[in-house]
Amino acid sequence: MRWLLHECGHVLIEQSMRRRLRRKFILGYHHPRQGRGRPRASAADILHEEIEAWHRGLGLARRLGVKVDLDAYWRDYGVAIHSYARGFVRRKL
């Protein structure tokens, strides 16, 4: 359920960006077949989007009255963000 809320957060971000008619995370995720790296700013934007998705997912749960184990939610958040940050430093994002 916690990861599903996170993914719902991505949907909410996308809807918000469509309403504003702009794309903040324009360069997106690395595609291995393209074989080219992205600028660090793009990787930082992805890290920011991941953090935002976790927060928006929790906000959605609260608005819908869905019970969430907050300790487990923030533990999953920490593991996921740590993983993305490691990838950012290794240029694997």
PDB file of N, CA and C in Angstrom:
ATOM      1  N   MET A   1       0.818  -1.190   0.000  1.00  0.00           N
ATOM      2  CA  MET A   1       0.000   0.000   0.000  1.00  0.00           C
ATOM      3  C   MET A   1       0.867   1.261   0.000  1.00  0.00           C
ATOM      4  N   ARG A   2       1.976   1.228   0.743  1.00  0.00           N
ATOM      5  CA  ARG A   2       2.825   2.427   0.838  1.00  0.00           C
ATOM      6  C   ARG A   2       3.422   2.774  -0.519  1.00  0.00           C
ATOM      7  N   TRP A   3       3.878   1.778  -1.242  1.00  0.00           N
ATOM      8  CA  TRP A   3       4.472   2.038  -2.561  1.00  0.00           C
ATOM      9  C   TRP A   3       3.403   2.481  -3.553  1.00  0.00           C
ATOM     10  N   LEU A   4       2.205   1.966  -3.411  1.00  0.00           N
ATOM     11  CA  LEU A   4       1.108   2.385  -4.276  1.00  0.00           C
ATOM     12  C   LEU A   4       0.782   3.865  -4.047  1.00  0.00           C
ATOM     13  N   LEU A   5       0.789   4.287  -2.790  1.00  0.00           N
ATOM     14  CA  LEU A   5       0.575   5.709  -2.498  1.00  0.00           C
ATOM     15  C   LEU A   5       1.662   6.557  -3.145  1.00  0.00           C
ATOM     16  N   HIS A   6       2.892   6.078  -3.092  1.00  0.00           N
ATOM     17  CA  HIS A   6       4.006   6.792  -3.733  1.00  0.00           C
ATOM     18  C   HIS A   6       3.744   6.935  -5.230  1.00  0.00           C
ATOM     19  N   GLU A   7       3.317   5.874  -5.867  1.00  0.00           N
ATOM     20  CA  GLU A   7       3.038   5.930  -7.312  1.00  0.00           C
ATOM     21  C   GLU A   7       1.862   6.865  -7.602  1.00  0.00           C
ATOM     22  N   CYS A   8       0.874   6.882  -6.734  1.00  0.00           N
ATOM     23  CA  CYS A   8      -0.228   7.840  -6.882  1.00  0.00           C
ATOM     24  C   CYS A   8       0.310   9.268  -6.781  1.00  0.00           C
ATOM     25  N   GLY A   9       1.323   9.458  -5.948  1.00  0.00           N
ATOM     26  CA  GLY A   9       1.965  10.769  -5.850  1.00  0.00           C
ATOM     27  C   GLY A   9       2.536  11.210  -7.186  1.00  0.00           C
ATOM     28  N   HIS A  10       3.110  10.272  -7.947  1.00  0.00           N
ATOM     29  CA  HIS A  10       3.622  10.608  -9.286  1.00  0.00           C
ATOM     30  C   HIS A  10       2.487  11.053 -10.207  1.00  0.00           C
ATOM     31  N   VAL A  11       1.346  10.385 -10.109  1.00  0.00           N
ATOM     32  CA  VAL A  11       0.188  10.761 -10.927  1.00  0.00           C
ATOM     33  C   VAL A  11      -0.262  12.176 -10.566  1.00  0.00           C
ATOM     34  N   LEU A  12      -0.303  12.470  -9.280  1.00  0.00           N
ATOM     35  CA  LEU A  12      -0.701  13.807  -8.843  1.00  0.00           C
ATOM     36  C   LEU A  12       0.276  14.867  -9.335  1.00  0.00           C
ATOM     37  N   ILE A  13       1.554  14.552  -9.343  1.00  0.00           N
ATOM     38  CA  ILE A  13       2.565  15.486  -9.860  1.00  0.00           C
ATOM     39  C   ILE A  13       2.316  15.738 -11.340  1.00  0.00           C
ATOM     40  N   GLU A  14       2.098  14.681 -12.094  1.00  0.00           N
ATOM     41  CA  GLU A  14       1.864  14.808 -13.536  1.00  0.00           C
ATOM     42  C   GLU A  14       0.629  15.659 -13.808  1.00  0.00           C
ATOM     43  N   GLN A  15      -0.434  15.426 -13.062  1.00  0.00           N
ATOM     44  CA  GLN A  15      -1.656  16.220 -13.251  1.00  0.00           C
ATOM     45  C   GLN A  15      -1.402  17.688 -12.940  1.00  0.00           C
ATOM     46  N   SER A  16      -0.648  17.939 -11.892  1.00  0.00           N
ATOM     47  CA  SER A  16      -0.325  19.309 -11.512  1.00  0.00           C
ATOM     48  C   SER A  16       0.486  20.005 -12.603  1.00  0.00           C
ATOM     49  N   MET A  17       1.445  19.291 -13.186  1.00  0.00           N
ATOM     50  CA  MET A  17       2.280  19.889 -14.234  1.00  0.00           C
ATOM     51  C   MET A  17       1.468  20.147 -15.492  1.00  0.00           C
ATOM     52  N   ARG A  18       0.516  19.284 -15.809  1.00  0.00           N
ATOM     53  CA  ARG A  18      -0.329  19.508 -16.992  1.00  0.00           C
ATOM     54  C   ARG A  18      -1.168  20.763 -16.827  1.00  0.00           C
ATOM     55  N   ARG A  19      -1.671  20.971 -15.616  1.00  0.00           N
ATOM     56  CA  ARG A  19      -2.475  22.170 -15.373  1.00  0.00           C
ATOM     57  C   ARG A  19      -1.641  23.431 -15.540  1.00  0.00           C
ATOM     58  N   ARG A  20      -0.360  23.348 -15.224  1.00  0.00           N
ATOM     59  CA  ARG A  20       0.521  24.513 -15.331  1.00  0.00           C
ATOM     60  C   ARG A  20       1.148  24.636 -16.715  1.00  0.00           C
ATOM     61  N   LEU A  21       0.877  23.657 -17.572  1.00  0.00           N
ATOM     62  CA  LEU A  21       1.389  23.646 -18.949  1.00  0.00           C
ATOM     63  C   LEU A  21       2.906  23.748 -19.015  1.00  0.00           C
ATOM     64  N   ARG A  22       3.568  23.086 -18.099  1.00  0.00           N
ATOM     65  CA  ARG A  22       5.032  23.040 -18.141  1.00  0.00           C
ATOM     66  C   ARG A  22       5.505  21.706 -17.602  1.00  0.00           C
ATOM     67  N   ARG A  23       6.727  21.381 -17.956  1.00  0.00           N
ATOM     68  CA  ARG A  23       7.321  20.114 -17.497  1.00  0.00           C
ATOM     69  C   ARG A  23       8.588  20.420 -16.718  1.00  0.00           C
ATOM     70  N   LYS A  24       8.557  20.206 -15.424  1.00  0.00           N
ATOM     71  CA  LYS A  24       9.751  20.443 -14.624  1.00  0.00           C
ATOM     72  C   LYS A  24      10.777  19.329 -14.831  1.00  0.00           C
ATOM     73  N   PHE A  25      10.314  18.095 -14.902  1.00  0.00           N
ATOM     74  CA  PHE A  25      11.211  16.952 -14.978  1.00  0.00           C
ATOM     75  C   PHE A  25      11.321  16.501 -16.434  1.00  0.00           C
ATOM     76  N   ILE A  26      11.675  17.414 -17.313  1.00  0.00           N
ATOM     77  CA  ILE A  26      11.559  17.202 -18.757  1.00  0.00           C
ATOM     78  C   ILE A  26      12.482  16.104 -19.296  1.00  0.00           C
ATOM     79  N   LEU A  27      13.635  15.926 -18.719  1.00  0.00           N
ATOM     80  CA  LEU A  27      14.580  14.963 -19.279  1.00  0.00           C
ATOM     81  C   LEU A  27      14.305  13.531 -18.844  1.00  0.00           C
ATOM     82  N   GLY A  28      13.519  13.353 -17.817  1.00  0.00           N
ATOM     83  CA  GLY A  28      13.080  12.018 -17.425  1.00  0.00           C
ATOM     84  C   GLY A  28      14.185  11.087 -16.969  1.00  0.00           C
ATOM     85  N   TYR A  29      13.847   9.828 -16.901  1.00  0.00           N
ATOM     86  CA  TYR A  29      14.764   8.799 -16.431  1.00  0.00           C
ATOM     87  C   TYR A  29      15.668   8.315 -17.555  1.00  0.00           C
ATOM     88  N   HIS A  30      16.831   7.874 -17.176  1.00  0.00           N
ATOM     89  CA  HIS A  30      17.804   7.350 -18.136  1.00  0.00           C
ATOM     90  C   HIS A  30      17.256   6.086 -18.793  1.00  0.00           C
ATOM     91  N   HIS A  31      17.427   6.005 -20.078  1.00  0.00           N
ATOM     92  CA  HIS A  31      17.027   4.807 -20.812  1.00  0.00           C
ATOM     93  C   HIS A  31      18.302   4.104 -21.249  1.00  0.00           C
ATOM     94  N   PRO A  32      18.565   2.869 -20.775  1.00  0.00           N
ATOM     95  CA  PRO A  32      19.852   2.218 -21.019  1.00  0.00           C
ATOM     96  C   PRO A  32      20.209   2.069 -22.494  1.00  0.00           C
ATOM     97  N   ARG A  33      19.245   1.923 -23.375  1.00  0.00           N
ATOM     98  CA  ARG A  33      19.555   1.757 -24.796  1.00  0.00           C
ATOM     99  C   ARG A  33      19.997   3.059 -25.459  1.00  0.00           C
ATOM    100  N   GLN A  34      19.681   4.189 -24.862  1.00  0.00           N
ATOM    101  CA  GLN A  34      20.112   5.464 -25.434  1.00  0.00           C
ATOM    102  C   GLN A  34      21.605   5.682 -25.248  1.00  0.00           C
ATOM    103  N   GLY A  35      22.139   5.119 -24.170  1.00  0.00           N
ATOM    104  CA  GLY A  35      23.568   5.171 -23.938  1.00  0.00           C
ATOM    105  C   GLY A  35      24.145   6.546 -23.711  1.00  0.00           C
ATOM    106  N   ARG A  36      23.350   7.473 -23.252  1.00  0.00           N
ATOM    107  CA  ARG A  36      23.907   8.787 -22.957  1.00  0.00           C
ATOM    108  C   ARG A  36      23.457   9.218 -21.568  1.00  0.00           C
ATOM    109  N   GLY A  37      24.324   9.955 -20.927  1.00  0.00           N
ATOM    110  CA  GLY A  37      24.023  10.415 -19.579  1.00  0.00           C
ATOM    111  C   GLY A  37      23.194  11.681 -19.596  1.00  0.00           C
ATOM    112  N   ARG A  38      22.651  12.015 -18.470  1.00  0.00           N
ATOM    113  CA  ARG A  38      21.883  13.246 -18.343  1.00  0.00           C
ATOM    114  C   ARG A  38      22.667  14.230 -17.494  1.00  0.00           C
ATOM    115  N   PRO A  39      22.384  15.492 -17.613  1.00  0.00           N
ATOM    116  CA  PRO A  39      23.055  16.456 -16.744  1.00  0.00           C
ATOM    117  C   PRO A  39      22.665  16.230 -15.286  1.00  0.00           C
ATOM    118  N   ARG A  40      23.537  16.634 -14.408  1.00  0.00           N
ATOM    119  CA  ARG A  40      23.262  16.452 -12.979  1.00  0.00           C
ATOM    120  C   ARG A  40      21.980  17.159 -12.558  1.00  0.00           C
ATOM    121  N   ALA A  41      21.660  18.263 -13.184  1.00  0.00           N
ATOM    122  CA  ALA A  41      20.423  18.969 -12.839  1.00  0.00           C
ATOM    123  C   ALA A  41      19.214  18.079 -13.073  1.00  0.00           C
ATOM    124  N   SER A  42      19.243  17.296 -14.136  1.00  0.00           N
ATOM    125  CA  SER A  42      18.133  16.399 -14.419  1.00  0.00           C
ATOM    126  C   SER A  42      18.030  15.323 -13.339  1.00  0.00           C
ATOM    127  N   ALA A  43      19.156  14.770 -12.921  1.00  0.00           N
ATOM    128  CA  ALA A  43      19.141  13.759 -11.866  1.00  0.00           C
ATOM    129  C   ALA A  43      18.627  14.361 -10.564  1.00  0.00           C
ATOM    130  N   ALA A  44      19.011  15.593 -10.289  1.00  0.00           N
ATOM    131  CA  ALA A  44      18.518  16.263  -9.083  1.00  0.00           C
ATOM    132  C   ALA A  44      17.008  16.476  -9.169  1.00  0.00           C
ATOM    133  N   ASP A  45      16.505  16.804 -10.356  1.00  0.00           N
ATOM    134  CA  ASP A  45      15.061  16.951 -10.538  1.00  0.00           C
ATOM    135  C   ASP A  45      14.341  15.633 -10.289  1.00  0.00           C
ATOM    136  N   ILE A  46      14.932  14.539 -10.737  1.00  0.00           N
ATOM    137  CA  ILE A  46      14.316  13.227 -10.504  1.00  0.00           C
ATOM    138  C   ILE A  46      14.282  12.926  -9.011  1.00  0.00           C
ATOM    139  N   LEU A  47      15.378  13.204  -8.311  1.00  0.00           N
ATOM    140  CA  LEU A  47      15.408  12.986  -6.862  1.00  0.00           C
ATOM    141  C   LEU A  47      14.323  13.838  -6.194  1.00  0.00           C
ATOM    142  N   HIS A  48      14.188  15.072  -6.632  1.00  0.00           N
ATOM    143  CA  HIS A  48      13.160  15.959  -6.091  1.00  0.00           C
ATOM    144  C   HIS A  48      11.759  15.397  -6.373  1.00  0.00           C
ATOM    145  N   GLU A  49      11.546  14.903  -7.591  1.00  0.00           N
ATOM    146  CA  GLU A  49      10.238  14.328  -7.935  1.00  0.00           C
ATOM    147  C   GLU A  49       9.931  13.126  -7.057  1.00  0.00           C
ATOM    148  N   GLU A  50      10.913  12.275  -6.808  1.00  0.00           N
ATOM    149  CA  GLU A  50      10.693  11.096  -5.961  1.00  0.00           C
ATOM    150  C   GLU A  50      10.303  11.515  -4.547  1.00  0.00           C
ATOM    151  N   ILE A  51      10.985  12.499  -4.003  1.00  0.00           N
ATOM    152  CA  ILE A  51      10.651  12.998  -2.659  1.00  0.00           C
ATOM    153  C   ILE A  51       9.236  13.558  -2.659  1.00  0.00           C
ATOM    154  N   GLU A  52       8.923  14.372  -3.662  1.00  0.00           N
ATOM    155  CA  GLU A  52       7.596  14.983  -3.767  1.00  0.00           C
ATOM    156  C   GLU A  52       6.505  13.915  -3.893  1.00  0.00           C
ATOM    157  N   ALA A  53       6.767  12.857  -4.645  1.00  0.00           N
ATOM    158  CA  ALA A  53       5.773  11.792  -4.815  1.00  0.00           C
ATOM    159  C   ALA A  53       5.456  11.115  -3.484  1.00  0.00           C
ATOM    160  N   TRP A  54       6.446  10.898  -2.651  1.00  0.00           N
ATOM    161  CA  TRP A  54       6.193  10.303  -1.334  1.00  0.00           C
ATOM    162  C   TRP A  54       5.311  11.225  -0.495  1.00  0.00           C
ATOM    163  N   HIS A  55       5.599  12.517  -0.524  1.00  0.00           N
ATOM    164  CA  HIS A  55       4.808  13.461   0.271  1.00  0.00           C
ATOM    165  C   HIS A  55       3.378  13.591  -0.262  1.00  0.00           C
ATOM    166  N   ARG A  56       3.234  13.657  -1.573  1.00  0.00           N
ATOM    167  CA  ARG A  56       1.883  13.767  -2.141  1.00  0.00           C
ATOM    168  C   ARG A  56       1.081  12.483  -1.923  1.00  0.00           C
ATOM    169  N   GLY A  57       1.740  11.344  -1.972  1.00  0.00           N
ATOM    170  CA  GLY A  57       1.053  10.081  -1.709  1.00  0.00           C
ATOM    171  C   GLY A  57       0.499  10.030  -0.299  1.00  0.00           C
ATOM    172  N   LEU A  58       1.282  10.495   0.661  1.00  0.00           N
ATOM    173  CA  LEU A  58       0.804  10.517   2.044  1.00  0.00           C
ATOM    174  C   LEU A  58      -0.333  11.527   2.192  1.00  0.00           C
ATOM    175  N   GLY A  59      -0.216  12.663   1.518  1.00  0.00           N
ATOM    176  CA  GLY A  59      -1.303  13.642   1.553  1.00  0.00           C
ATOM    177  C   GLY A  59      -2.596  13.073   0.985  1.00  0.00           C
ATOM    178  N   LEU A  60      -2.480  12.311  -0.078  1.00  0.00           N
ATOM    179  CA  LEU A  60      -3.651  11.667  -0.674  1.00  0.00           C
ATOM    180  C   LEU A  60      -4.297  10.704   0.320  1.00  0.00           C
ATOM    181  N   ALA A  61      -3.472   9.905   0.982  1.00  0.00           N
ATOM    182  CA  ALA A  61      -4.003   8.954   1.972  1.00  0.00           C
ATOM    183  C   ALA A  61      -4.763   9.697   3.066  1.00  0.00           C
ATOM    184  N   ARG A  62      -4.220  10.799   3.506  1.00  0.00           N
ATOM    185  CA  ARG A  62      -4.895  11.578   4.557  1.00  0.00           C
ATOM    186  C   ARG A  62      -6.225  12.139   4.054  1.00  0.00           C
ATOM    187  N   ARG A  63      -6.232  12.661   2.820  1.00  0.00           N
ATOM    188  CA  ARG A  63      -7.475  13.213   2.266  1.00  0.00           C
ATOM    189  C   ARG A  63      -8.548  12.137   2.102  1.00  0.00           C
ATOM    190  N   LEU A  64      -8.128  10.925   1.767  1.00  0.00           N
ATOM    191  CA  LEU A  64      -9.072   9.823   1.559  1.00  0.00           C
ATOM    192  C   LEU A  64      -9.415   9.080   2.848  1.00  0.00           C
ATOM    193  N   GLY A  65      -8.740   9.430   3.933  1.00  0.00           N
ATOM    194  CA  GLY A  65      -8.986   8.753   5.200  1.00  0.00           C
ATOM    195  C   GLY A  65      -8.402   7.356   5.268  1.00  0.00           C
ATOM    196  N   VAL A  66      -7.367   7.096   4.477  1.00  0.00           N
ATOM    197  CA  VAL A  66      -6.708   5.785   4.467  1.00  0.00           C
ATOM    198  C   VAL A  66      -5.703   5.742   5.618  1.00  0.00           C
ATOM    199  N   LYS A  67      -5.802   4.696   6.443  1.00  0.00           N
ATOM    200  CA  LYS A  67      -4.849   4.528   7.545  1.00  0.00           C
ATOM    201  C   LYS A  67      -3.506   4.085   6.997  1.00  0.00           C
ATOM    202  N   VAL A  68      -2.465   4.742   7.450  1.00  0.00           N
ATOM    203  CA  VAL A  68      -1.107   4.428   7.011  1.00  0.00           C
ATOM    204  C   VAL A  68      -0.237   4.261   8.251  1.00  0.00           C
ATOM    205  N   ASP A  69       0.546   3.214   8.267  1.00  0.00           N
ATOM    206  CA  ASP A  69       1.545   3.028   9.322  1.00  0.00           C
ATOM    207  C   ASP A  69       2.668   4.014   9.026  1.00  0.00           C
ATOM    208  N   LEU A  70       2.679   5.142   9.746  1.00  0.00           N
ATOM    209  CA  LEU A  70       3.625   6.216   9.439  1.00  0.00           C
ATOM    210  C   LEU A  70       5.080   5.802   9.621  1.00  0.00           C
ATOM    211  N   ASP A  71       5.351   4.996  10.640  1.00  0.00           N
ATOM    212  CA  ASP A  71       6.740   4.537  10.832  1.00  0.00           C
ATOM    213  C   ASP A  71       7.210   3.745   9.615  1.00  0.00           C
ATOM    214  N   ALA A  72       6.373   2.841   9.137  1.00  0.00           N
ATOM    215  CA  ALA A  72       6.733   2.033   7.969  1.00  0.00           C
ATOM    216  C   ALA A  72       6.798   2.897   6.715  1.00  0.00           C
ATOM    217  N   TYR A  73       5.881   3.853   6.593  1.00  0.00           N
ATOM    218  CA  TYR A  73       5.867   4.726   5.412  1.00  0.00           C
ATOM    219  C   TYR A  73       7.172   5.506   5.312  1.00  0.00           C
ATOM    220  N   TRP A  74       7.579   6.140   6.415  1.00  0.00           N
ATOM    221  CA  TRP A  74       8.800   6.941   6.378  1.00  0.00           C
ATOM    222  C   TRP A  74      10.053   6.070   6.289  1.00  0.00           C
ATOM    223  N   ARG A  75       9.969   4.837   6.776  1.00  0.00           N
ATOM    224  CA  ARG A  75      11.096   3.910   6.603  1.00  0.00           C
ATOM    225  C   ARG A  75      11.259   3.579   5.120  1.00  0.00           C
ATOM    226  N   ASP A  76      10.146   3.258   4.441  1.00  0.00           N
ATOM    227  CA  ASP A  76      10.203   2.993   2.997  1.00  0.00           C
ATOM    228  C   ASP A  76      10.690   4.222   2.239  1.00  0.00           C
ATOM    229  N   TYR A  77      10.209   5.378   2.641  1.00  0.00           N
ATOM    230  CA  TYR A  77      10.647   6.646   2.049  1.00  0.00           C
ATOM    231  C   TYR A  77      12.169   6.783   2.150  1.00  0.00           C
ATOM    232  N   GLY A  78      12.694   6.562   3.350  1.00  0.00           N
ATOM    233  CA  GLY A  78      14.132   6.693   3.570  1.00  0.00           C
ATOM    234  C   GLY A  78      14.946   5.726   2.720  1.00  0.00           C
ATOM    235  N   VAL A  79      14.486   4.482   2.645  1.00  0.00           N
ATOM    236  CA  VAL A  79      15.188   3.474   1.835  1.00  0.00           C
ATOM    237  C   VAL A  79      15.176   3.878   0.366  1.00  0.00           C
ATOM    238  N   ALA A  80      14.006   4.300  -0.125  1.00  0.00           N
ATOM    239  CA  ALA A  80      13.890   4.667  -1.542  1.00  0.00           C
ATOM    240  C   ALA A  80      14.731   5.888  -1.873  1.00  0.00           C
ATOM    241  N   ILE A  81      14.648   6.926  -1.061  1.00  0.00           N
ATOM    242  CA  ILE A  81      15.390   8.154  -1.347  1.00  0.00           C
ATOM    243  C   ILE A  81      16.889   7.911  -1.232  1.00  0.00           C
ATOM    244  N   HIS A  82      17.290   7.106  -0.281  1.00  0.00           N
ATOM    245  CA  HIS A  82      18.708   6.765  -0.149  1.00  0.00           C
ATOM    246  C   HIS A  82      19.199   6.059  -1.408  1.00  0.00           C
ATOM    247  N   SER A  83      18.392   5.147  -1.919  1.00  0.00           N
ATOM    248  CA  SER A  83      18.760   4.424  -3.133  1.00  0.00           C
ATOM    249  C   SER A  83      18.899   5.374  -4.326  1.00  0.00           C
ATOM    250  N   TYR A  84      17.937   6.284  -4.483  1.00  0.00           N
ATOM    251  CA  TYR A  84      18.027   7.252  -5.578  1.00  0.00           C
ATOM    252  C   TYR A  84      19.231   8.168  -5.413  1.00  0.00           C
ATOM    253  N   ALA A  85      19.504   8.586  -4.188  1.00  0.00           N
ATOM    254  CA  ALA A  85      20.648   9.471  -3.945  1.00  0.00           C
ATOM    255  C   ALA A  85      21.960   8.756  -4.286  1.00  0.00           C
ATOM    256  N   ARG A  86      22.073   7.480  -3.942  1.00  0.00           N
ATOM    257  CA  ARG A  86      23.270   6.714  -4.311  1.00  0.00           C
ATOM    258  C   ARG A  86      23.424   6.661  -5.824  1.00  0.00           C
ATOM    259  N   GLY A  87      22.319   6.414  -6.523  1.00  0.00           N
ATOM    260  CA  GLY A  87      22.358   6.391  -7.980  1.00  0.00           C
ATOM    261  C   GLY A  87      22.746   7.731  -8.567  1.00  0.00           C
ATOM    262  N   PHE A  88      22.283   8.793  -7.938  1.00  0.00           N
ATOM    263  CA  PHE A  88      22.623  10.148  -8.371  1.00  0.00           C
ATOM    264  C   PHE A  88      24.128  10.365  -8.272  1.00  0.00           C
ATOM    265  N   VAL A  89      24.704   9.988  -7.147  1.00  0.00           N
ATOM    266  CA  VAL A  89      26.141  10.168  -6.947  1.00  0.00           C
ATOM    267  C   VAL A  89      26.945   9.299  -7.914  1.00  0.00           C
ATOM    268  N   ARG A  90      26.466   8.103  -8.194  1.00  0.00           N
ATOM    269  CA  ARG A  90      27.156   7.191  -9.110  1.00  0.00           C
ATOM    270  C   ARG A  90      26.834   7.480 -10.576  1.00  0.00           C
ATOM    271  N   ARG A  91      25.987   8.491 -10.805  1.00  0.00           N
ATOM    272  CA  ARG A  91      25.548   8.856 -12.165  1.00  0.00           C
ATOM    273  C   ARG A  91      24.765   7.738 -12.817  1.00  0.00           C
ATOM    274  N   LYS A  92      23.973   7.021 -12.018  1.00  0.00           N
ATOM    275  CA  LYS A  92      23.167   5.941 -12.576  1.00  0.00           C
ATOM    276  C   LYS A  92      21.699   6.324 -12.646  1.00  0.00           C
ATOM    277  N   LEU A  93      21.351   7.524 -12.270  1.00  0.00           N
ATOM    278  CA  LEU A  93      19.965   7.972 -12.368  1.00  0.00           C
ATOM    279  C   LEU A  93      19.693   8.449 -13.765  1.00  0.00           C
TER     280      LEU A  93
END
